[in-house]
mmCIF file of all heavy atoms, coordinates in Angstrom:
data_MODEL
# 
_entry.id   MODEL 
# 
loop_
_atom_site.group_PDB 
_atom_site.id 
_atom_site.type_symbol 
_atom_site.label_atom_id 
_atom_site.label_alt_id 
_atom_site.label_comp_id 
_atom_site.label_asym_id 
_atom_site.label_entity_id 
_atom_site.label_seq_id 
_atom_site.pdbx_PDB_ins_code 
_atom_site.Cartn_x 
_atom_site.Cartn_y 
_atom_site.Cartn_z 
_atom_site.occupancy 
_atom_site.B_iso_or_equiv 
_atom_site.pdbx_formal_charge 
_atom_site.auth_seq_id 
_atom_site.auth_comp_id 
_atom_site.auth_asym_id 
_atom_site.auth_atom_id 
_atom_site.pdbx_PDB_model_num 
ATOM 1   N N   . VAL A 1 1  ? 2.069  -26.237 -0.635  1.00 0.00 ? 1  VAL A N   1 
ATOM 2   C CA  . VAL A 1 1  ? 1.031  -25.340 -0.954  1.00 0.00 ? 1  VAL A CA  1 
ATOM 3   C C   . VAL A 1 1  ? 1.465  -24.503 -2.150  1.00 0.00 ? 1  VAL A C   1 
ATOM 4   O O   . VAL A 1 1  ? 2.658  -24.503 -2.543  1.00 0.00 ? 1  VAL A O   1 
ATOM 5   C CB  . VAL A 1 1  ? 0.620  -24.428 0.269   1.00 0.00 ? 1  VAL A CB  1 
ATOM 6   C CG1 . VAL A 1 1  ? 0.163  -25.370 1.416   1.00 0.00 ? 1  VAL A CG1 1 
ATOM 7   C CG2 . VAL A 1 1  ? 1.752  -23.518 0.722   1.00 0.00 ? 1  VAL A CG2 1 
ATOM 8   N N   . GLY A 1 2  ? 0.625  -23.674 -2.697  1.00 0.00 ? 2  GLY A N   1 
ATOM 9   C CA  . GLY A 1 2  ? 0.943  -22.778 -3.756  1.00 0.00 ? 2  GLY A CA  1 
ATOM 10  C C   . GLY A 1 2  ? 1.695  -21.531 -3.292  1.00 0.00 ? 2  GLY A C   1 
ATOM 11  O O   . GLY A 1 2  ? 1.697  -21.257 -2.165  1.00 0.00 ? 2  GLY A O   1 
ATOM 12  N N   . PHE A 1 3  ? 2.296  -20.955 -4.328  1.00 0.00 ? 3  PHE A N   1 
ATOM 13  C CA  . PHE A 1 3  ? 3.045  -19.736 -4.082  1.00 0.00 ? 3  PHE A CA  1 
ATOM 14  C C   . PHE A 1 3  ? 2.454  -18.597 -4.935  1.00 0.00 ? 3  PHE A C   1 
ATOM 15  O O   . PHE A 1 3  ? 2.192  -18.810 -6.218  1.00 0.00 ? 3  PHE A O   1 
ATOM 16  C CB  . PHE A 1 3  ? 4.529  -19.859 -4.456  1.00 0.00 ? 3  PHE A CB  1 
ATOM 17  C CG  . PHE A 1 3  ? 5.342  -18.635 -4.334  1.00 0.00 ? 3  PHE A CG  1 
ATOM 18  C CD1 . PHE A 1 3  ? 5.691  -18.093 -3.132  1.00 0.00 ? 3  PHE A CD1 1 
ATOM 19  C CD2 . PHE A 1 3  ? 5.654  -17.845 -5.514  1.00 0.00 ? 3  PHE A CD2 1 
ATOM 20  C CE1 . PHE A 1 3  ? 6.420  -16.900 -3.016  1.00 0.00 ? 3  PHE A CE1 1 
ATOM 21  C CE2 . PHE A 1 3  ? 6.358  -16.662 -5.382  1.00 0.00 ? 3  PHE A CE2 1 
ATOM 22  C CZ  . PHE A 1 3  ? 6.756  -16.233 -4.133  1.00 0.00 ? 3  PHE A CZ  1 
ATOM 23  N N   . VAL A 1 4  ? 2.224  -17.387 -4.376  1.00 0.00 ? 4  VAL A N   1 
ATOM 24  C CA  . VAL A 1 4  ? 1.738  -16.309 -5.119  1.00 0.00 ? 4  VAL A CA  1 
ATOM 25  C C   . VAL A 1 4  ? 2.701  -15.147 -5.064  1.00 0.00 ? 4  VAL A C   1 
ATOM 26  O O   . VAL A 1 4  ? 3.068  -14.672 -3.994  1.00 0.00 ? 4  VAL A O   1 
ATOM 27  C CB  . VAL A 1 4  ? 0.368  -15.771 -4.450  1.00 0.00 ? 4  VAL A CB  1 
ATOM 28  C CG1 . VAL A 1 4  ? -0.075 -14.440 -5.023  1.00 0.00 ? 4  VAL A CG1 1 
ATOM 29  C CG2 . VAL A 1 4  ? -0.721 -16.886 -4.563  1.00 0.00 ? 4  VAL A CG2 1 
ATOM 30  N N   . PRO A 1 5  ? 3.131  -14.670 -6.261  1.00 0.00 ? 5  PRO A N   1 
ATOM 31  C CA  . PRO A 1 5  ? 4.032  -13.571 -6.321  1.00 0.00 ? 5  PRO A CA  1 
ATOM 32  C C   . PRO A 1 5  ? 3.275  -12.222 -6.203  1.00 0.00 ? 5  PRO A C   1 
ATOM 33  O O   . PRO A 1 5  ? 2.312  -12.071 -6.887  1.00 0.00 ? 5  PRO A O   1 
ATOM 34  C CB  . PRO A 1 5  ? 4.708  -13.701 -7.637  1.00 0.00 ? 5  PRO A CB  1 
ATOM 35  C CG  . PRO A 1 5  ? 3.715  -14.449 -8.522  1.00 0.00 ? 5  PRO A CG  1 
ATOM 36  C CD  . PRO A 1 5  ? 2.897  -15.262 -7.636  1.00 0.00 ? 5  PRO A CD  1 
ATOM 37  N N   . VAL A 1 6  ? 3.851  -11.354 -5.393  1.00 0.00 ? 6  VAL A N   1 
ATOM 38  C CA  . VAL A 1 6  ? 3.417  -9.912  -5.384  1.00 0.00 ? 6  VAL A CA  1 
ATOM 39  C C   . VAL A 1 6  ? 4.474  -9.204  -6.240  1.00 0.00 ? 6  VAL A C   1 
ATOM 40  O O   . VAL A 1 6  ? 5.660  -9.295  -5.894  1.00 0.00 ? 6  VAL A O   1 
ATOM 41  C CB  . VAL A 1 6  ? 3.309  -9.393  -4.000  1.00 0.00 ? 6  VAL A CB  1 
ATOM 42  C CG1 . VAL A 1 6  ? 3.123  -7.851  -3.958  1.00 0.00 ? 6  VAL A CG1 1 
ATOM 43  C CG2 . VAL A 1 6  ? 2.174  -10.100 -3.256  1.00 0.00 ? 6  VAL A CG2 1 
ATOM 44  N N   . ARG A 1 7  ? 4.002  -8.557  -7.297  1.00 0.00 ? 7  ARG A N   1 
ATOM 45  C CA  . ARG A 1 7  ? 4.978  -7.848  -8.228  1.00 0.00 ? 7  ARG A CA  1 
ATOM 46  C C   . ARG A 1 7  ? 4.900  -6.366  -8.159  1.00 0.00 ? 7  ARG A C   1 
ATOM 47  O O   . ARG A 1 7  ? 4.014  -5.785  -7.661  1.00 0.00 ? 7  ARG A O   1 
ATOM 48  C CB  . ARG A 1 7  ? 4.641  -8.358  -9.676  1.00 0.00 ? 7  ARG A CB  1 
ATOM 49  C CG  . ARG A 1 7  ? 4.662  -9.815  -9.966  1.00 0.00 ? 7  ARG A CG  1 
ATOM 50  C CD  . ARG A 1 7  ? 6.006  -10.447 -9.879  1.00 0.00 ? 7  ARG A CD  1 
ATOM 51  N NE  . ARG A 1 7  ? 7.086  -9.719  -10.639 1.00 0.00 ? 7  ARG A NE  1 
ATOM 52  C CZ  . ARG A 1 7  ? 7.513  -9.959  -11.886 1.00 0.00 ? 7  ARG A CZ  1 
ATOM 53  N NH1 . ARG A 1 7  ? 6.865  -10.891 -12.595 1.00 0.00 ? 7  ARG A NH1 1 
ATOM 54  N NH2 . ARG A 1 7  ? 8.447  -9.223  -12.306 1.00 0.00 ? 7  ARG A NH2 1 
ATOM 55  N N   . LYS A 1 8  ? 5.927  -5.757  -8.669  1.00 0.00 ? 8  LYS A N   1 
ATOM 56  C CA  . LYS A 1 8  ? 6.008  -4.277  -8.774  1.00 0.00 ? 8  LYS A CA  1 
ATOM 57  C C   . LYS A 1 8  ? 5.046  -3.925  -10.013 1.00 0.00 ? 8  LYS A C   1 
ATOM 58  O O   . LYS A 1 8  ? 4.609  -4.719  -10.845 1.00 0.00 ? 8  LYS A O   1 
ATOM 59  C CB  . LYS A 1 8  ? 7.419  -3.881  -9.136  1.00 0.00 ? 8  LYS A CB  1 
ATOM 60  C CG  . LYS A 1 8  ? 8.262  -4.100  -7.882  1.00 0.00 ? 8  LYS A CG  1 
ATOM 61  C CD  . LYS A 1 8  ? 9.738  -3.841  -8.156  1.00 0.00 ? 8  LYS A CD  1 
ATOM 62  C CE  . LYS A 1 8  ? 10.583 -4.231  -6.920  1.00 0.00 ? 8  LYS A CE  1 
ATOM 63  N NZ  . LYS A 1 8  ? 12.006 -4.177  -7.258  1.00 0.00 ? 8  LYS A NZ  1 
ATOM 64  N N   . LEU A 1 9  ? 4.731  -2.607  -10.025 1.00 0.00 ? 9  LEU A N   1 
ATOM 65  C CA  . LEU A 1 9  ? 3.883  -2.079  -10.995 1.00 0.00 ? 9  LEU A CA  1 
ATOM 66  C C   . LEU A 1 9  ? 4.129  -2.494  -12.489 1.00 0.00 ? 9  LEU A C   1 
ATOM 67  O O   . LEU A 1 9  ? 5.214  -2.450  -12.898 1.00 0.00 ? 9  LEU A O   1 
ATOM 68  C CB  . LEU A 1 9  ? 3.923  -0.526  -10.938 1.00 0.00 ? 9  LEU A CB  1 
ATOM 69  C CG  . LEU A 1 9  ? 3.011  0.231   -11.844 1.00 0.00 ? 9  LEU A CG  1 
ATOM 70  C CD1 . LEU A 1 9  ? 1.527  0.002   -11.416 1.00 0.00 ? 9  LEU A CD1 1 
ATOM 71  C CD2 . LEU A 1 9  ? 3.314  1.734   -11.710 1.00 0.00 ? 9  LEU A CD2 1 
ATOM 72  N N   . GLY A 1 10 ? 3.085  -2.991  -13.078 1.00 0.00 ? 10 GLY A N   1 
ATOM 73  C CA  . GLY A 1 10 ? 3.154  -3.303  -14.558 1.00 0.00 ? 10 GLY A CA  1 
ATOM 74  C C   . GLY A 1 10 ? 3.771  -4.616  -14.936 1.00 0.00 ? 10 GLY A C   1 
ATOM 75  O O   . GLY A 1 10 ? 3.950  -4.884  -16.119 1.00 0.00 ? 10 GLY A O   1 
ATOM 76  N N   . LYS A 1 11 ? 3.946  -5.580  -13.984 1.00 0.00 ? 11 LYS A N   1 
ATOM 77  C CA  . LYS A 1 11 ? 4.685  -6.789  -14.244 1.00 0.00 ? 11 LYS A CA  1 
ATOM 78  C C   . LYS A 1 11 ? 3.747  -7.928  -14.416 1.00 0.00 ? 11 LYS A C   1 
ATOM 79  O O   . LYS A 1 11 ? 4.128  -9.071  -14.897 1.00 0.00 ? 11 LYS A O   1 
ATOM 80  C CB  . LYS A 1 11 ? 5.679  -7.176  -13.243 1.00 0.00 ? 11 LYS A CB  1 
ATOM 81  C CG  . LYS A 1 11 ? 6.738  -6.093  -12.991 1.00 0.00 ? 11 LYS A CG  1 
ATOM 82  C CD  . LYS A 1 11 ? 7.722  -6.103  -14.130 1.00 0.00 ? 11 LYS A CD  1 
ATOM 83  C CE  . LYS A 1 11 ? 8.852  -5.062  -13.909 1.00 0.00 ? 11 LYS A CE  1 
ATOM 84  N NZ  . LYS A 1 11 ? 9.773  -5.106  -14.993 1.00 0.00 ? 11 LYS A NZ  1 
ATOM 85  N N   . LEU A 1 12 ? 2.447  -7.785  -14.078 1.00 0.00 ? 12 LEU A N   1 
ATOM 86  C CA  . LEU A 1 12 ? 1.507  -8.932  -14.078 1.00 0.00 ? 12 LEU A CA  1 
ATOM 87  C C   . LEU A 1 12 ? 0.646  -8.788  -15.298 1.00 0.00 ? 12 LEU A C   1 
ATOM 88  O O   . LEU A 1 12 ? 0.082  -7.694  -15.596 1.00 0.00 ? 12 LEU A O   1 
ATOM 89  C CB  . LEU A 1 12 ? 0.664  -8.986  -12.806 1.00 0.00 ? 12 LEU A CB  1 
ATOM 90  C CG  . LEU A 1 12 ? 1.485  -9.458  -11.566 1.00 0.00 ? 12 LEU A CG  1 
ATOM 91  C CD1 . LEU A 1 12 ? 0.633  -9.299  -10.399 1.00 0.00 ? 12 LEU A CD1 1 
ATOM 92  C CD2 . LEU A 1 12 ? 2.070  -10.843 -11.721 1.00 0.00 ? 12 LEU A CD2 1 
ATOM 93  N N   . PRO A 1 13 ? 0.351  -9.933  -16.032 1.00 0.00 ? 13 PRO A N   1 
ATOM 94  C CA  . PRO A 1 13 ? -0.377 -9.840  -17.288 1.00 0.00 ? 13 PRO A CA  1 
ATOM 95  C C   . PRO A 1 13 ? -1.906 -9.930  -17.194 1.00 0.00 ? 13 PRO A C   1 
ATOM 96  O O   . PRO A 1 13 ? -2.592 -9.538  -18.187 1.00 0.00 ? 13 PRO A O   1 
ATOM 97  C CB  . PRO A 1 13 ? 0.087  -11.093 -18.022 1.00 0.00 ? 13 PRO A CB  1 
ATOM 98  C CG  . PRO A 1 13 ? 0.388  -12.061 -16.939 1.00 0.00 ? 13 PRO A CG  1 
ATOM 99  C CD  . PRO A 1 13 ? 0.933  -11.253 -15.815 1.00 0.00 ? 13 PRO A CD  1 
ATOM 100 N N   . ALA A 1 14 ? -2.455 -10.284 -16.133 1.00 0.00 ? 14 ALA A N   1 
ATOM 101 C CA  . ALA A 1 14 ? -3.928 -10.405 -16.089 1.00 0.00 ? 14 ALA A CA  1 
ATOM 102 C C   . ALA A 1 14 ? -4.545 -9.424  -15.119 1.00 0.00 ? 14 ALA A C   1 
ATOM 103 O O   . ALA A 1 14 ? -3.813 -8.468  -14.651 1.00 0.00 ? 14 ALA A O   1 
ATOM 104 C CB  . ALA A 1 14 ? -4.324 -11.837 -15.537 1.00 0.00 ? 14 ALA A CB  1 
ATOM 105 N N   . ASP A 1 15 ? -5.829 -9.560  -14.757 1.00 0.00 ? 15 ASP A N   1 
ATOM 106 C CA  . ASP A 1 15 ? -6.491 -8.538  -13.892 1.00 0.00 ? 15 ASP A CA  1 
ATOM 107 C C   . ASP A 1 15 ? -5.751 -8.523  -12.502 1.00 0.00 ? 15 ASP A C   1 
ATOM 108 O O   . ASP A 1 15 ? -5.429 -9.528  -11.937 1.00 0.00 ? 15 ASP A O   1 
ATOM 109 C CB  . ASP A 1 15 ? -7.971 -8.904  -13.687 1.00 0.00 ? 15 ASP A CB  1 
ATOM 110 C CG  . ASP A 1 15 ? -8.761 -8.699  -14.974 1.00 0.00 ? 15 ASP A CG  1 
ATOM 111 O OD1 . ASP A 1 15 ? -8.334 -7.956  -15.863 1.00 0.00 ? 15 ASP A OD1 1 
ATOM 112 O OD2 . ASP A 1 15 ? -9.783 -9.411  -15.048 1.00 0.00 ? 15 ASP A OD2 1 
ATOM 113 N N   . ILE A 1 16 ? -5.627 -7.268  -11.962 1.00 0.00 ? 16 ILE A N   1 
ATOM 114 C CA  . ILE A 1 16 ? -4.861 -7.143  -10.780 1.00 0.00 ? 16 ILE A CA  1 
ATOM 115 C C   . ILE A 1 16 ? -5.615 -6.245  -9.732  1.00 0.00 ? 16 ILE A C   1 
ATOM 116 O O   . ILE A 1 16 ? -6.528 -5.573  -10.054 1.00 0.00 ? 16 ILE A O   1 
ATOM 117 C CB  . ILE A 1 16 ? -3.444 -6.494  -11.050 1.00 0.00 ? 16 ILE A CB  1 
ATOM 118 C CG1 . ILE A 1 16 ? -3.567 -5.153  -11.803 1.00 0.00 ? 16 ILE A CG1 1 
ATOM 119 C CG2 . ILE A 1 16 ? -2.529 -7.447  -11.808 1.00 0.00 ? 16 ILE A CG2 1 
ATOM 120 C CD1 . ILE A 1 16 ? -3.491 -3.982  -10.922 1.00 0.00 ? 16 ILE A CD1 1 
ATOM 121 N N   . VAL A 1 17 ? -5.221 -6.449  -8.441  1.00 0.00 ? 17 VAL A N   1 
ATOM 122 C CA  . VAL A 1 17 ? -5.392 -5.492  -7.431  1.00 0.00 ? 17 VAL A CA  1 
ATOM 123 C C   . VAL A 1 17 ? -4.129 -4.850  -7.190  1.00 0.00 ? 17 VAL A C   1 
ATOM 124 O O   . VAL A 1 17 ? -3.051 -5.355  -7.341  1.00 0.00 ? 17 VAL A O   1 
ATOM 125 C CB  . VAL A 1 17 ? -6.026 -6.123  -6.126  1.00 0.00 ? 17 VAL A CB  1 
ATOM 126 C CG1 . VAL A 1 17 ? -7.404 -6.627  -6.433  1.00 0.00 ? 17 VAL A CG1 1 
ATOM 127 C CG2 . VAL A 1 17 ? -5.127 -7.300  -5.634  1.00 0.00 ? 17 VAL A CG2 1 
ATOM 128 N N   . SER A 1 18 ? -4.154 -3.488  -6.711  1.00 0.00 ? 18 SER A N   1 
ATOM 129 C CA  . SER A 1 18 ? -2.931 -2.863  -6.474  1.00 0.00 ? 18 SER A CA  1 
ATOM 130 C C   . SER A 1 18 ? -2.953 -1.921  -5.247  1.00 0.00 ? 18 SER A C   1 
ATOM 131 O O   . SER A 1 18 ? -4.074 -1.656  -4.770  1.00 0.00 ? 18 SER A O   1 
ATOM 132 C CB  . SER A 1 18 ? -2.497 -1.984  -7.751  1.00 0.00 ? 18 SER A CB  1 
ATOM 133 O OG  . SER A 1 18 ? -3.388 -0.902  -7.863  1.00 0.00 ? 18 SER A OG  1 
ATOM 134 N N   . VAL A 1 19 ? -1.818 -1.601  -4.743  1.00 0.00 ? 19 VAL A N   1 
ATOM 135 C CA  . VAL A 1 19 ? -1.651 -0.688  -3.602  1.00 0.00 ? 19 VAL A CA  1 
ATOM 136 C C   . VAL A 1 19 ? -0.403 0.043   -3.685  1.00 0.00 ? 19 VAL A C   1 
ATOM 137 O O   . VAL A 1 19 ? 0.666  -0.472  -4.166  1.00 0.00 ? 19 VAL A O   1 
ATOM 138 C CB  . VAL A 1 19 ? -1.726 -1.496  -2.190  1.00 0.00 ? 19 VAL A CB  1 
ATOM 139 C CG1 . VAL A 1 19 ? -0.603 -2.462  -2.095  1.00 0.00 ? 19 VAL A CG1 1 
ATOM 140 C CG2 . VAL A 1 19 ? -1.832 -0.560  -1.081  1.00 0.00 ? 19 VAL A CG2 1 
ATOM 141 N N   . GLU A 1 20 ? -0.465 1.358   -3.337  1.00 0.00 ? 20 GLU A N   1 
ATOM 142 C CA  . GLU A 1 20 ? 0.712  2.164   -3.284  1.00 0.00 ? 20 GLU A CA  1 
ATOM 143 C C   . GLU A 1 20 ? 1.146  2.198   -1.841  1.00 0.00 ? 20 GLU A C   1 
ATOM 144 O O   . GLU A 1 20 ? 0.387  2.261   -0.933  1.00 0.00 ? 20 GLU A O   1 
ATOM 145 C CB  . GLU A 1 20 ? 0.500  3.596   -3.752  1.00 0.00 ? 20 GLU A CB  1 
ATOM 146 C CG  . GLU A 1 20 ? 1.849  4.421   -3.835  1.00 0.00 ? 20 GLU A CG  1 
ATOM 147 C CD  . GLU A 1 20 ? 1.599  5.709   -4.585  1.00 0.00 ? 20 GLU A CD  1 
ATOM 148 O OE1 . GLU A 1 20 ? 0.694  5.894   -5.346  1.00 0.00 ? 20 GLU A OE1 1 
ATOM 149 O OE2 . GLU A 1 20 ? 2.474  6.634   -4.289  1.00 0.00 ? 20 GLU A OE2 1 
ATOM 150 N N   . TYR A 1 21 ? 2.562  2.076   -1.568  1.00 0.00 ? 21 TYR A N   1 
ATOM 151 C CA  . TYR A 1 21 ? 3.010  1.987   -0.163  1.00 0.00 ? 21 TYR A CA  1 
ATOM 152 C C   . TYR A 1 21 ? 4.303  2.736   -0.050  1.00 0.00 ? 21 TYR A C   1 
ATOM 153 O O   . TYR A 1 21 ? 4.938  3.090   -1.119  1.00 0.00 ? 21 TYR A O   1 
ATOM 154 C CB  . TYR A 1 21 ? 3.181  0.572   0.191   1.00 0.00 ? 21 TYR A CB  1 
ATOM 155 C CG  . TYR A 1 21 ? 4.327  -0.168  -0.517  1.00 0.00 ? 21 TYR A CG  1 
ATOM 156 C CD1 . TYR A 1 21 ? 5.549  -0.325  0.150   1.00 0.00 ? 21 TYR A CD1 1 
ATOM 157 C CD2 . TYR A 1 21 ? 4.187  -0.574  -1.838  1.00 0.00 ? 21 TYR A CD2 1 
ATOM 158 C CE1 . TYR A 1 21 ? 6.568  -0.944  -0.542  1.00 0.00 ? 21 TYR A CE1 1 
ATOM 159 C CE2 . TYR A 1 21 ? 5.203  -1.135  -2.515  1.00 0.00 ? 21 TYR A CE2 1 
ATOM 160 C CZ  . TYR A 1 21 ? 6.469  -1.313  -1.828  1.00 0.00 ? 21 TYR A CZ  1 
ATOM 161 O OH  . TYR A 1 21 ? 7.460  -1.982  -2.467  1.00 0.00 ? 21 TYR A OH  1 
ATOM 162 N N   . GLU A 1 22 ? 4.686  3.086   1.155   1.00 0.00 ? 22 GLU A N   1 
ATOM 163 C CA  . GLU A 1 22 ? 5.913  3.759   1.414   1.00 0.00 ? 22 GLU A CA  1 
ATOM 164 C C   . GLU A 1 22 ? 7.079  2.850   1.796   1.00 0.00 ? 22 GLU A C   1 
ATOM 165 O O   . GLU A 1 22 ? 6.889  1.874   2.575   1.00 0.00 ? 22 GLU A O   1 
ATOM 166 C CB  . GLU A 1 22 ? 5.715  4.776   2.620   1.00 0.00 ? 22 GLU A CB  1 
ATOM 167 C CG  . GLU A 1 22 ? 4.650  5.855   2.335   1.00 0.00 ? 22 GLU A CG  1 
ATOM 168 C CD  . GLU A 1 22 ? 5.077  6.733   1.117   1.00 0.00 ? 22 GLU A CD  1 
ATOM 169 O OE1 . GLU A 1 22 ? 6.302  7.155   1.064   1.00 0.00 ? 22 GLU A OE1 1 
ATOM 170 O OE2 . GLU A 1 22 ? 4.199  7.088   0.247   1.00 0.00 ? 22 GLU A OE2 1 
ATOM 171 N N   . LEU A 1 23 ? 8.205  3.052   1.215   1.00 0.00 ? 23 LEU A N   1 
ATOM 172 C CA  . LEU A 1 23 ? 9.438  2.390   1.511   1.00 0.00 ? 23 LEU A CA  1 
ATOM 173 C C   . LEU A 1 23 ? 10.228 3.165   2.495   1.00 0.00 ? 23 LEU A C   1 
ATOM 174 O O   . LEU A 1 23 ? 9.895  4.369   2.733   1.00 0.00 ? 23 LEU A O   1 
ATOM 175 C CB  . LEU A 1 23 ? 10.261 2.109   0.276   1.00 0.00 ? 23 LEU A CB  1 
ATOM 176 C CG  . LEU A 1 23 ? 9.703  1.353   -0.856  1.00 0.00 ? 23 LEU A CG  1 
ATOM 177 C CD1 . LEU A 1 23 ? 10.334 1.704   -2.085  1.00 0.00 ? 23 LEU A CD1 1 
ATOM 178 C CD2 . LEU A 1 23 ? 9.848  -0.147  -0.499  1.00 0.00 ? 23 LEU A CD2 1 
ATOM 179 N N   . GLU A 1 24 ? 11.320 2.625   3.018   1.00 0.00 ? 24 GLU A N   1 
ATOM 180 C CA  . GLU A 1 24 ? 12.211 3.390   3.874   1.00 0.00 ? 24 GLU A CA  1 
ATOM 181 C C   . GLU A 1 24 ? 12.961 4.504   3.041   1.00 0.00 ? 24 GLU A C   1 
ATOM 182 O O   . GLU A 1 24 ? 13.457 5.421   3.652   1.00 0.00 ? 24 GLU A O   1 
ATOM 183 C CB  . GLU A 1 24 ? 13.219 2.566   4.653   1.00 0.00 ? 24 GLU A CB  1 
ATOM 184 C CG  . GLU A 1 24 ? 14.031 1.629   3.759   1.00 0.00 ? 24 GLU A CG  1 
ATOM 185 C CD  . GLU A 1 24 ? 13.473 0.274   3.535   1.00 0.00 ? 24 GLU A CD  1 
ATOM 186 O OE1 . GLU A 1 24 ? 12.206 0.107   3.606   1.00 0.00 ? 24 GLU A OE1 1 
ATOM 187 O OE2 . GLU A 1 24 ? 14.210 -0.640  3.240   1.00 0.00 ? 24 GLU A OE2 1 
ATOM 188 N N   . TYR A 1 25 ? 12.941 4.448   1.749   1.00 0.00 ? 25 TYR A N   1 
ATOM 189 C CA  . TYR A 1 25 ? 13.623 5.387   0.879   1.00 0.00 ? 25 TYR A CA  1 
ATOM 190 C C   . TYR A 1 25 ? 12.862 5.780   -0.359  1.00 0.00 ? 25 TYR A C   1 
ATOM 191 O O   . TYR A 1 25 ? 13.341 6.037   -1.365  1.00 0.00 ? 25 TYR A O   1 
ATOM 192 C CB  . TYR A 1 25 ? 15.014 4.956   0.531   1.00 0.00 ? 25 TYR A CB  1 
ATOM 193 C CG  . TYR A 1 25 ? 15.051 3.419   0.028   1.00 0.00 ? 25 TYR A CG  1 
ATOM 194 C CD1 . TYR A 1 25 ? 14.762 3.222   -1.333  1.00 0.00 ? 25 TYR A CD1 1 
ATOM 195 C CD2 . TYR A 1 25 ? 15.324 2.398   0.821   1.00 0.00 ? 25 TYR A CD2 1 
ATOM 196 C CE1 . TYR A 1 25 ? 14.796 1.891   -1.746  1.00 0.00 ? 25 TYR A CE1 1 
ATOM 197 C CE2 . TYR A 1 25 ? 15.369 1.145   0.391   1.00 0.00 ? 25 TYR A CE2 1 
ATOM 198 C CZ  . TYR A 1 25 ? 15.113 0.919   -0.982  1.00 0.00 ? 25 TYR A CZ  1 
ATOM 199 O OH  . TYR A 1 25 ? 15.067 -0.438  -1.481  1.00 0.00 ? 25 TYR A OH  1 
# 
């Protein structure tokens, strides 16, 4: 099957959806 990368802010070149989330640090 295909693989979809989820990237950090500003790394994808086309239209995106985004979400801010909390890390342990």
